[in-house]
Amino acid sequence: KGYDFSDWIIVFSNPKEIKSNLDKINQLFK
């Protein structure tokens, strides 16, 4: 919805959220 040409910063308060969602983060990164 319009943020596709923006730079992104995602702040995770819980490191487990990062590790358990690596595939989804990688898809978004791509």
Full PDB file with SEQRES, HELIX, SHEET, SSBOND, CRYST1, ORIGX, SCALE, CONECT and MASTER records, all heavy atoms in Angstrom:
SEQRES   1 A   30  LYS GLY TYR ASP PHE SER ASP TRP ILE ILE VAL PHE SER          
SEQRES   2 A   30  ASN PRO LYS GLU ILE LYS SER ASN LEU ASP LYS ILE ASN          
SEQRES   3 A   30  GLN LEU PHE LYS                                              
HELIX    1 AA1 PRO A   15  SER A   20  1                                   6    
HELIX    2 AA2 LEU A   22  PHE A   29  1                                   8    
CRYST1    1.000    1.000    1.000  90.00  90.00  90.00 P 1           1          
ORIGX1      1.000000  0.000000  0.000000        0.00000                         
ORIGX2      0.000000  1.000000  0.000000        0.00000                         
ORIGX3      0.000000  0.000000  1.000000        0.00000                         
SCALE1      1.000000  0.000000  0.000000        0.00000                         
SCALE2      0.000000  1.000000  0.000000        0.00000                         
SCALE3      0.000000  0.000000  1.000000        0.00000                         
ATOM      1  N   LYS A   1       0.810  -1.221   0.000  1.00  0.00           N  
ATOM      2  CA  LYS A   1       0.000   0.000   0.000  1.00  0.00           C  
ATOM      3  C   LYS A   1       0.841   1.267   0.000  1.00  0.00           C  
ATOM      4  O   LYS A   1       0.467   2.263   0.594  1.00  0.00           O  
ATOM      5  CB  LYS A   1      -0.940  -0.007   1.209  1.00  0.00           C  
ATOM      6  CG  LYS A   1      -2.000  -1.075   1.098  1.00  0.00           C  
ATOM      7  CD  LYS A   1      -2.935  -1.058   2.268  1.00  0.00           C  
ATOM      8  CE  LYS A   1      -3.987  -2.151   2.114  1.00  0.00           C  
ATOM      9  NZ  LYS A   1      -4.844  -2.260   3.260  1.00  0.00           N  
ATOM     10  N   GLY A   2       1.974   1.228  -0.684  1.00  0.00           N  
ATOM     11  CA  GLY A   2       2.683   2.482  -0.899  1.00  0.00           C  
ATOM     12  C   GLY A   2       4.033   2.633  -0.242  1.00  0.00           C  
ATOM     13  O   GLY A   2       4.725   3.608  -0.505  1.00  0.00           O  
ATOM     14  N   TYR A   3       4.420   1.705   0.622  1.00  0.00           N  
ATOM     15  CA  TYR A   3       5.728   1.822   1.245  1.00  0.00           C  
ATOM     16  C   TYR A   3       6.774   0.959   0.544  1.00  0.00           C  
ATOM     17  O   TYR A   3       7.852   0.731   1.069  1.00  0.00           O  
ATOM     18  CB  TYR A   3       5.658   1.439   2.729  1.00  0.00           C  
ATOM     19  CG  TYR A   3       4.838   2.396   3.539  1.00  0.00           C  
ATOM     20  CD1 TYR A   3       3.578   2.046   4.012  1.00  0.00           C  
ATOM     21  CD2 TYR A   3       5.323   3.665   3.836  1.00  0.00           C  
ATOM     22  CE1 TYR A   3       2.812   2.934   4.749  1.00  0.00           C  
ATOM     23  CE2 TYR A   3       4.568   4.558   4.576  1.00  0.00           C  
ATOM     24  CZ  TYR A   3       3.316   4.184   5.037  1.00  0.00           C  
ATOM     25  OH  TYR A   3       2.581   5.064   5.760  1.00  0.00           O  
ATOM     26  N   ASP A   4       6.460   0.498  -0.663  1.00  0.00           N  
ATOM     27  CA  ASP A   4       7.375  -0.370  -1.383  1.00  0.00           C  
ATOM     28  C   ASP A   4       8.625   0.361  -1.867  1.00  0.00           C  
ATOM     29  O   ASP A   4       9.661  -0.251  -2.080  1.00  0.00           O  
ATOM     30  CB  ASP A   4       6.668  -1.072  -2.550  1.00  0.00           C  
ATOM     31  CG  ASP A   4       5.933  -0.107  -3.459  1.00  0.00           C  
ATOM     32  OD1 ASP A   4       5.562   0.987  -2.999  1.00  0.00           O  
ATOM     33  OD2 ASP A   4       5.723  -0.462  -4.632  1.00  0.00           O  
ATOM     34  N   PHE A   5       8.566   1.661  -2.026  1.00  0.00           N  
ATOM     35  CA  PHE A   5       9.735   2.422  -2.448  1.00  0.00           C  
ATOM     36  C   PHE A   5      10.299   3.259  -1.304  1.00  0.00           C  
ATOM     37  O   PHE A   5      10.801   4.356  -1.506  1.00  0.00           O  
ATOM     38  CB  PHE A   5       9.411   3.293  -3.665  1.00  0.00           C  
ATOM     39  CG  PHE A   5       9.340   2.484  -4.929  1.00  0.00           C  
ATOM     40  CD1 PHE A   5       8.127   2.058  -5.427  1.00  0.00           C  
ATOM     41  CD2 PHE A   5      10.497   2.119  -5.583  1.00  0.00           C  
ATOM     42  CE1 PHE A   5       8.058   1.289  -6.576  1.00  0.00           C  
ATOM     43  CE2 PHE A   5      10.452   1.350  -6.738  1.00  0.00           C  
ATOM     44  CZ  PHE A   5       9.230   0.926  -7.236  1.00  0.00           C  
ATOM     45  N   SER A   6      10.217   2.726  -0.106  1.00  0.00           N  
ATOM     46  CA  SER A   6      10.771   3.363   1.081  1.00  0.00           C  
ATOM     47  C   SER A   6      11.828   2.447   1.680  1.00  0.00           C  
ATOM     48  O   SER A   6      11.815   1.242   1.468  1.00  0.00           O  
ATOM     49  CB  SER A   6       9.682   3.587   2.138  1.00  0.00           C  
ATOM     50  OG  SER A   6       8.642   4.363   1.618  1.00  0.00           O  
ATOM     51  N   ASP A   7      12.736   3.031   2.429  1.00  0.00           N  
ATOM     52  CA  ASP A   7      13.650   2.235   3.242  1.00  0.00           C  
ATOM     53  C   ASP A   7      12.894   1.832   4.508  1.00  0.00           C  
ATOM     54  O   ASP A   7      12.023   2.567   4.976  1.00  0.00           O  
ATOM     55  CB  ASP A   7      14.893   3.054   3.598  1.00  0.00           C  
ATOM     56  CG  ASP A   7      15.729   3.374   2.375  1.00  0.00           C  
ATOM     57  OD1 ASP A   7      16.189   2.424   1.724  1.00  0.00           O  
ATOM     58  OD2 ASP A   7      15.912   4.561   2.070  1.00  0.00           O  
ATOM     59  N   TRP A   8      13.245   0.671   5.058  1.00  0.00           N  
ATOM     60  CA  TRP A   8      12.519   0.130   6.201  1.00  0.00           C  
ATOM     61  C   TRP A   8      13.446  -0.110   7.387  1.00  0.00           C  
ATOM     62  O   TRP A   8      14.566  -0.587   7.228  1.00  0.00           O  
ATOM     63  CB  TRP A   8      11.906  -1.216   5.844  1.00  0.00           C  
ATOM     64  CG  TRP A   8      10.725  -1.182   4.937  1.00  0.00           C  
ATOM     65  CD1 TRP A   8      10.621  -0.514   3.747  1.00  0.00           C  
ATOM     66  CD2 TRP A   8       9.489  -1.851   5.108  1.00  0.00           C  
ATOM     67  NE1 TRP A   8       9.397  -0.740   3.187  1.00  0.00           N  
ATOM     68  CE2 TRP A   8       8.685  -1.566   4.000  1.00  0.00           C  
ATOM     69  CE3 TRP A   8       8.985  -2.687   6.094  1.00  0.00           C  
ATOM     70  CZ2 TRP A   8       7.404  -2.065   3.846  1.00  0.00           C  
ATOM     71  CZ3 TRP A   8       7.715  -3.206   5.943  1.00  0.00           C  
ATOM     72  CH2 TRP A   8       6.934  -2.883   4.836  1.00  0.00           C  
ATOM     73  N   ILE A   9      12.928   0.200   8.576  1.00  0.00           N  
ATOM     74  CA  ILE A   9      13.566  -0.180   9.832  1.00  0.00           C  
ATOM     75  C   ILE A   9      12.509  -0.941  10.617  1.00  0.00           C  
ATOM     76  O   ILE A   9      11.405  -0.428  10.829  1.00  0.00           O  
ATOM     77  CB  ILE A   9      14.035   1.046  10.651  1.00  0.00           C  
ATOM     78  CG1 ILE A   9      15.100   1.825   9.891  1.00  0.00           C  
ATOM     79  CG2 ILE A   9      14.544   0.604  12.024  1.00  0.00           C  
ATOM     80  CD1 ILE A   9      15.477   3.141  10.542  1.00  0.00           C  
ATOM     81  N   ILE A  10      12.843  -2.157  11.016  1.00  0.00           N  
ATOM     82  CA  ILE A  10      11.910  -2.942  11.829  1.00  0.00           C  
ATOM     83  C   ILE A  10      12.567  -3.186  13.175  1.00  0.00           C  
ATOM     84  O   ILE A  10      13.660  -3.757  13.253  1.00  0.00           O  
ATOM     85  CB  ILE A  10      11.543  -4.274  11.161  1.00  0.00           C  
ATOM     86  CG1 ILE A  10      10.960  -4.030   9.773  1.00  0.00           C  
ATOM     87  CG2 ILE A  10      10.555  -5.042  12.037  1.00  0.00           C  
ATOM     88  CD1 ILE A  10      10.623  -5.292   9.014  1.00  0.00           C  
ATOM     89  N   VAL A  11      11.908  -2.726  14.226  1.00  0.00           N  
ATOM     90  CA  VAL A  11      12.415  -2.847  15.588  1.00  0.00           C  
ATOM     91  C   VAL A  11      11.663  -3.997  16.259  1.00  0.00           C  
ATOM     92  O   VAL A  11      10.444  -3.932  16.428  1.00  0.00           O  
ATOM     93  CB  VAL A  11      12.199  -1.544  16.386  1.00  0.00           C  
ATOM     94  CG1 VAL A  11      12.772  -1.675  17.790  1.00  0.00           C  
ATOM     95  CG2 VAL A  11      12.800  -0.356  15.645  1.00  0.00           C  
ATOM     96  N   PHE A  12      12.409  -5.034  16.604  1.00  0.00           N  
ATOM     97  CA  PHE A  12      11.824  -6.181  17.284  1.00  0.00           C  
ATOM     98  C   PHE A  12      12.158  -6.095  18.772  1.00  0.00           C  
ATOM     99  O   PHE A  12      13.330  -6.034  19.142  1.00  0.00           O  
ATOM    100  CB  PHE A  12      12.386  -7.493  16.736  1.00  0.00           C  
ATOM    101  CG  PHE A  12      11.886  -7.847  15.370  1.00  0.00           C  
ATOM    102  CD1 PHE A  12      12.593  -7.487  14.236  1.00  0.00           C  
ATOM    103  CD2 PHE A  12      10.709  -8.551  15.214  1.00  0.00           C  
ATOM    104  CE1 PHE A  12      12.144  -7.828  12.976  1.00  0.00           C  
ATOM    105  CE2 PHE A  12      10.245  -8.891  13.961  1.00  0.00           C  
ATOM    106  CZ  PHE A  12      10.957  -8.529  12.839  1.00  0.00           C  
ATOM    107  N   SER A  13      11.147  -6.118  19.610  1.00  0.00           N  
ATOM    108  CA  SER A  13      11.391  -6.097  21.047  1.00  0.00           C  
ATOM    109  C   SER A  13      11.775  -7.481  21.558  1.00  0.00           C  
ATOM    110  O   SER A  13      12.443  -7.611  22.571  1.00  0.00           O  
ATOM    111  CB  SER A  13      10.163  -5.581  21.795  1.00  0.00           C  
ATOM    112  OG  SER A  13       9.041  -6.385  21.494  1.00  0.00           O  
ATOM    113  N   ASN A  14      11.375  -8.523  20.844  1.00  0.00           N  
ATOM    114  CA  ASN A  14      11.629  -9.891  21.269  1.00  0.00           C  
ATOM    115  C   ASN A  14      12.488 -10.598  20.216  1.00  0.00           C  
ATOM    116  O   ASN A  14      12.045 -10.788  19.087  1.00  0.00           O  
ATOM    117  CB  ASN A  14      10.296 -10.625  21.447  1.00  0.00           C  
ATOM    118  CG  ASN A  14      10.452 -12.031  21.960  1.00  0.00           C  
ATOM    119  OD1 ASN A  14      11.547 -12.546  22.062  1.00  0.00           O  
ATOM    120  ND2 ASN A  14       9.348 -12.647  22.269  1.00  0.00           N  
ATOM    121  N   PRO A  15      13.705 -11.011  20.559  1.00  0.00           N  
ATOM    122  CA  PRO A  15      14.560 -11.670  19.575  1.00  0.00           C  
ATOM    123  C   PRO A  15      13.989 -12.994  19.063  1.00  0.00           C  
ATOM    124  O   PRO A  15      14.301 -13.419  17.950  1.00  0.00           O  
ATOM    125  CB  PRO A  15      15.878 -11.889  20.314  1.00  0.00           C  
ATOM    126  CG  PRO A  15      15.573 -11.737  21.745  1.00  0.00           C  
ATOM    127  CD  PRO A  15      14.358 -10.867  21.848  1.00  0.00           C  
ATOM    128  N   LYS A  16      13.141 -13.623  19.832  1.00  0.00           N  
ATOM    129  CA  LYS A  16      12.525 -14.882  19.380  1.00  0.00           C  
ATOM    130  C   LYS A  16      11.633 -14.650  18.167  1.00  0.00           C  
ATOM    131  O   LYS A  16      11.480 -15.520  17.323  1.00  0.00           O  
ATOM    132  CB  LYS A  16      11.715 -15.520  20.506  1.00  0.00           C  
ATOM    133  CG  LYS A  16      12.575 -16.044  21.627  1.00  0.00           C  
ATOM    134  CD  LYS A  16      11.735 -16.627  22.736  1.00  0.00           C  
ATOM    135  CE  LYS A  16      12.621 -17.056  23.895  1.00  0.00           C  
ATOM    136  NZ  LYS A  16      11.855 -17.520  25.035  1.00  0.00           N  
ATOM    137  N   GLU A  17      11.038 -13.467  18.065  1.00  0.00           N  
ATOM    138  CA  GLU A  17      10.203 -13.128  16.915  1.00  0.00           C  
ATOM    139  C   GLU A  17      11.036 -13.114  15.631  1.00  0.00           C  
ATOM    140  O   GLU A  17      10.550 -13.471  14.569  1.00  0.00           O  
ATOM    141  CB  GLU A  17       9.543 -11.765  17.101  1.00  0.00           C  
ATOM    142  CG  GLU A  17       8.492 -11.719  18.168  1.00  0.00           C  
ATOM    143  CD  GLU A  17       7.239 -12.480  17.774  1.00  0.00           C  
ATOM    144  OE1 GLU A  17       6.867 -12.480  16.594  1.00  0.00           O  
ATOM    145  OE2 GLU A  17       6.642 -13.095  18.669  1.00  0.00           O  
ATOM    146  N   ILE A  18      12.271 -12.700  15.740  1.00  0.00           N  
ATOM    147  CA  ILE A  18      13.135 -12.650  14.560  1.00  0.00           C  
ATOM    148  C   ILE A  18      13.491 -14.069  14.129  1.00  0.00           C  
ATOM    149  O   ILE A  18      13.299 -14.444  12.976  1.00  0.00           O  
ATOM    150  CB  ILE A  18      14.425 -11.859  14.854  1.00  0.00           C  
ATOM    151  CG1 ILE A  18      14.090 -10.430  15.283  1.00  0.00           C  
ATOM    152  CG2 ILE A  18      15.335 -11.847  13.640  1.00  0.00           C  
ATOM    153  CD1 ILE A  18      15.273  -9.662  15.826  1.00  0.00           C  
ATOM    154  N   LYS A  19      13.978 -14.843  15.058  1.00  0.00           N  
ATOM    155  CA  LYS A  19      14.441 -16.190  14.734  1.00  0.00           C  
ATOM    156  C   LYS A  19      13.321 -17.097  14.251  1.00  0.00           C  
ATOM    157  O   LYS A  19      13.511 -17.908  13.354  1.00  0.00           O  
ATOM    158  CB  LYS A  19      15.142 -16.802  15.936  1.00  0.00           C  
ATOM    159  CG  LYS A  19      16.451 -16.116  16.257  1.00  0.00           C  
ATOM    160  CD  LYS A  19      17.121 -16.733  17.452  1.00  0.00           C  
ATOM    161  CE  LYS A  19      18.376 -15.985  17.814  1.00  0.00           C  
ATOM    162  NZ  LYS A  19      19.028 -16.555  18.979  1.00  0.00           N  
ATOM    163  N   SER A  20      12.151 -16.945  14.815  1.00  0.00           N  
ATOM    164  CA  SER A  20      11.055 -17.827  14.421  1.00  0.00           C  
ATOM    165  C   SER A  20      10.416 -17.413  13.090  1.00  0.00           C  
ATOM    166  O   SER A  20       9.616 -18.157  12.532  1.00  0.00           O  
ATOM    167  CB  SER A  20       9.995 -17.884  15.524  1.00  0.00           C  
ATOM    168  OG  SER A  20       9.406 -16.625  15.715  1.00  0.00           O  
ATOM    169  N   ASN A  21      10.765 -16.239  12.581  1.00  0.00           N  
ATOM    170  CA  ASN A  21      10.170 -15.744  11.333  1.00  0.00           C  
ATOM    171  C   ASN A  21      11.212 -15.388  10.281  1.00  0.00           C  
ATOM    172  O   ASN A  21      10.980 -14.526   9.441  1.00  0.00           O  
ATOM    173  CB  ASN A  21       9.301 -14.522  11.630  1.00  0.00           C  
ATOM    174  CG  ASN A  21       8.064 -14.893  12.390  1.00  0.00           C  
ATOM    175  OD1 ASN A  21       7.196 -15.576  11.864  1.00  0.00           O  
ATOM    176  ND2 ASN A  21       7.978 -14.476  13.640  1.00  0.00           N  
ATOM    177  N   LEU A  22      12.335 -16.068  10.304  1.00  0.00           N  
ATOM    178  CA  LEU A  22      13.414 -15.744   9.358  1.00  0.00           C  
ATOM    179  C   LEU A  22      12.968 -15.847   7.907  1.00  0.00           C  
ATOM    180  O   LEU A  22      13.335 -15.010   7.080  1.00  0.00           O  
ATOM    181  CB  LEU A  22      14.611 -16.656   9.592  1.00  0.00           C  
ATOM    182  CG  LEU A  22      15.534 -16.267  10.737  1.00  0.00           C  
ATOM    183  CD1 LEU A  22      16.627 -17.301  10.904  1.00  0.00           C  
ATOM    184  CD2 LEU A  22      16.123 -14.899  10.520  1.00  0.00           C  
ATOM    185  N   ASP A  23      12.179 -16.852   7.577  1.00  0.00           N  
ATOM    186  CA  ASP A  23      11.719 -17.004   6.192  1.00  0.00           C  
ATOM    187  C   ASP A  23      10.885 -15.817   5.750  1.00  0.00           C  
ATOM    188  O   ASP A  23      11.054 -15.297   4.645  1.00  0.00           O  
ATOM    189  CB  ASP A  23      10.910 -18.295   6.018  1.00  0.00           C  
ATOM    190  CG  ASP A  23      11.774 -19.536   6.127  1.00  0.00           C  
ATOM    191  OD1 ASP A  23      12.995 -19.434   5.923  1.00  0.00           O  
ATOM    192  OD2 ASP A  23      11.215 -20.602   6.415  1.00  0.00           O  
ATOM    193  N   LYS A  24       9.997 -15.367   6.626  1.00  0.00           N  
ATOM    194  CA  LYS A  24       9.132 -14.236   6.282  1.00  0.00           C  
ATOM    195  C   LYS A  24       9.939 -12.941   6.190  1.00  0.00           C  
ATOM    196  O   LYS A  24       9.683 -12.109   5.318  1.00  0.00           O  
ATOM    197  CB  LYS A  24       8.013 -14.108   7.301  1.00  0.00           C  
ATOM    198  CG  LYS A  24       7.038 -15.265   7.242  1.00  0.00           C  
ATOM    199  CD  LYS A  24       5.975 -15.139   8.294  1.00  0.00           C  
ATOM    200  CE  LYS A  24       5.045 -16.338   8.248  1.00  0.00           C  
ATOM    201  NZ  LYS A  24       4.051 -16.296   9.308  1.00  0.00           N  
ATOM    202  N   ILE A  25      10.898 -12.791   7.090  1.00  0.00           N  
ATOM    203  CA  ILE A  25      11.759 -11.601   7.023  1.00  0.00           C  
ATOM    204  C   ILE A  25      12.564 -11.618   5.730  1.00  0.00           C  
ATOM    205  O   ILE A  25      12.720 -10.596   5.062  1.00  0.00           O  
ATOM    206  CB  ILE A  25      12.691 -11.527   8.250  1.00  0.00           C  
ATOM    207  CG1 ILE A  25      11.882 -11.326   9.530  1.00  0.00           C  
ATOM    208  CG2 ILE A  25      13.714 -10.402   8.092  1.00  0.00           C  
ATOM    209  CD1 ILE A  25      12.700 -11.453  10.794  1.00  0.00           C  
ATOM    210  N   ASN A  26      13.052 -12.784   5.362  1.00  0.00           N  
ATOM    211  CA  ASN A  26      13.823 -12.895   4.126  1.00  0.00           C  
ATOM    212  C   ASN A  26      12.968 -12.570   2.902  1.00  0.00           C  
ATOM    213  O   ASN A  26      13.430 -11.901   1.976  1.00  0.00           O  
ATOM    214  CB  ASN A  26      14.427 -14.295   4.007  1.00  0.00           C  
ATOM    215  CG  ASN A  26      15.499 -14.367   2.962  1.00  0.00           C  
ATOM    216  OD1 ASN A  26      16.219 -13.411   2.729  1.00  0.00           O  
ATOM    217  ND2 ASN A  26      15.598 -15.504   2.311  1.00  0.00           N  
ATOM    218  N   GLN A  27      11.718 -13.002   2.879  1.00  0.00           N  
ATOM    219  CA  GLN A  27      10.820 -12.670   1.776  1.00  0.00           C  
ATOM    220  C   GLN A  27      10.613 -11.161   1.679  1.00  0.00           C  
ATOM    221  O   GLN A  27      10.654 -10.588   0.588  1.00  0.00           O  
ATOM    222  CB  GLN A  27       9.469 -13.363   1.952  1.00  0.00           C  
ATOM    223  CG  GLN A  27       9.511 -14.856   1.762  1.00  0.00           C  
ATOM    224  CD  GLN A  27       8.198 -15.514   2.154  1.00  0.00           C  
ATOM    225  OE1 GLN A  27       7.225 -14.843   2.519  1.00  0.00           O  
ATOM    226  NE2 GLN A  27       8.169 -16.832   2.093  1.00  0.00           N  
ATOM    227  N   LEU A  28      10.391 -10.525   2.821  1.00  0.00           N  
ATOM    228  CA  LEU A  28      10.220  -9.082   2.843  1.00  0.00           C  
ATOM    229  C   LEU A  28      11.506  -8.374   2.403  1.00  0.00           C  
ATOM    230  O   LEU A  28      11.470  -7.412   1.636  1.00  0.00           O  
ATOM    231  CB  LEU A  28       9.799  -8.624   4.240  1.00  0.00           C  
ATOM    232  CG  LEU A  28       9.469  -7.155   4.407  1.00  0.00           C  
ATOM    233  CD1 LEU A  28       8.274  -6.767   3.538  1.00  0.00           C  
ATOM    234  CD2 LEU A  28       9.179  -6.845   5.864  1.00  0.00           C  
ATOM    235  N   PHE A  29      12.642  -8.867   2.868  1.00  0.00           N  
ATOM    236  CA  PHE A  29      13.940  -8.316   2.486  1.00  0.00           C  
ATOM    237  C   PHE A  29      14.123  -8.359   0.968  1.00  0.00           C  
ATOM    238  O   PHE A  29      14.554  -7.382   0.357  1.00  0.00           O  
ATOM    239  CB  PHE A  29      15.058  -9.093   3.195  1.00  0.00           C  
ATOM    240  CG  PHE A  29      16.435  -8.741   2.745  1.00  0.00           C  
ATOM    241  CD1 PHE A  29      17.021  -7.547   3.126  1.00  0.00           C  
ATOM    242  CD2 PHE A  29      17.157  -9.611   1.948  1.00  0.00           C  
ATOM    243  CE1 PHE A  29      18.302  -7.220   2.706  1.00  0.00           C  
ATOM    244  CE2 PHE A  29      18.433  -9.297   1.523  1.00  0.00           C  
ATOM    245  CZ  PHE A  29      19.007  -8.101   1.907  1.00  0.00           C  
ATOM    246  N   LYS A  30      13.772  -9.476   0.362  1.00  0.00           N  
ATOM    247  CA  LYS A  30      13.908  -9.610  -1.090  1.00  0.00           C  
ATOM    248  C   LYS A  30      13.001  -8.627  -1.826  1.00  0.00           C  
ATOM    249  O   LYS A  30      13.410  -8.027  -2.821  1.00  0.00           O  
ATOM    250  CB  LYS A  30      13.604 -11.036  -1.512  1.00  0.00           C  
ATOM    251  CG  LYS A  30      14.702 -12.001  -1.152  1.00  0.00           C  
ATOM    252  CD  LYS A  30      14.341 -13.420  -1.530  1.00  0.00           C  
ATOM    253  CE  LYS A  30      15.434 -14.380  -1.113  1.00  0.00           C  
ATOM    254  NZ  LYS A  30      15.083 -15.783  -1.392  1.00  0.00           N  
TER     255      LYS A  30                                                      
MASTER        0    0    0    2    0    0    0    6  254    1    0    3          
END                                                                             
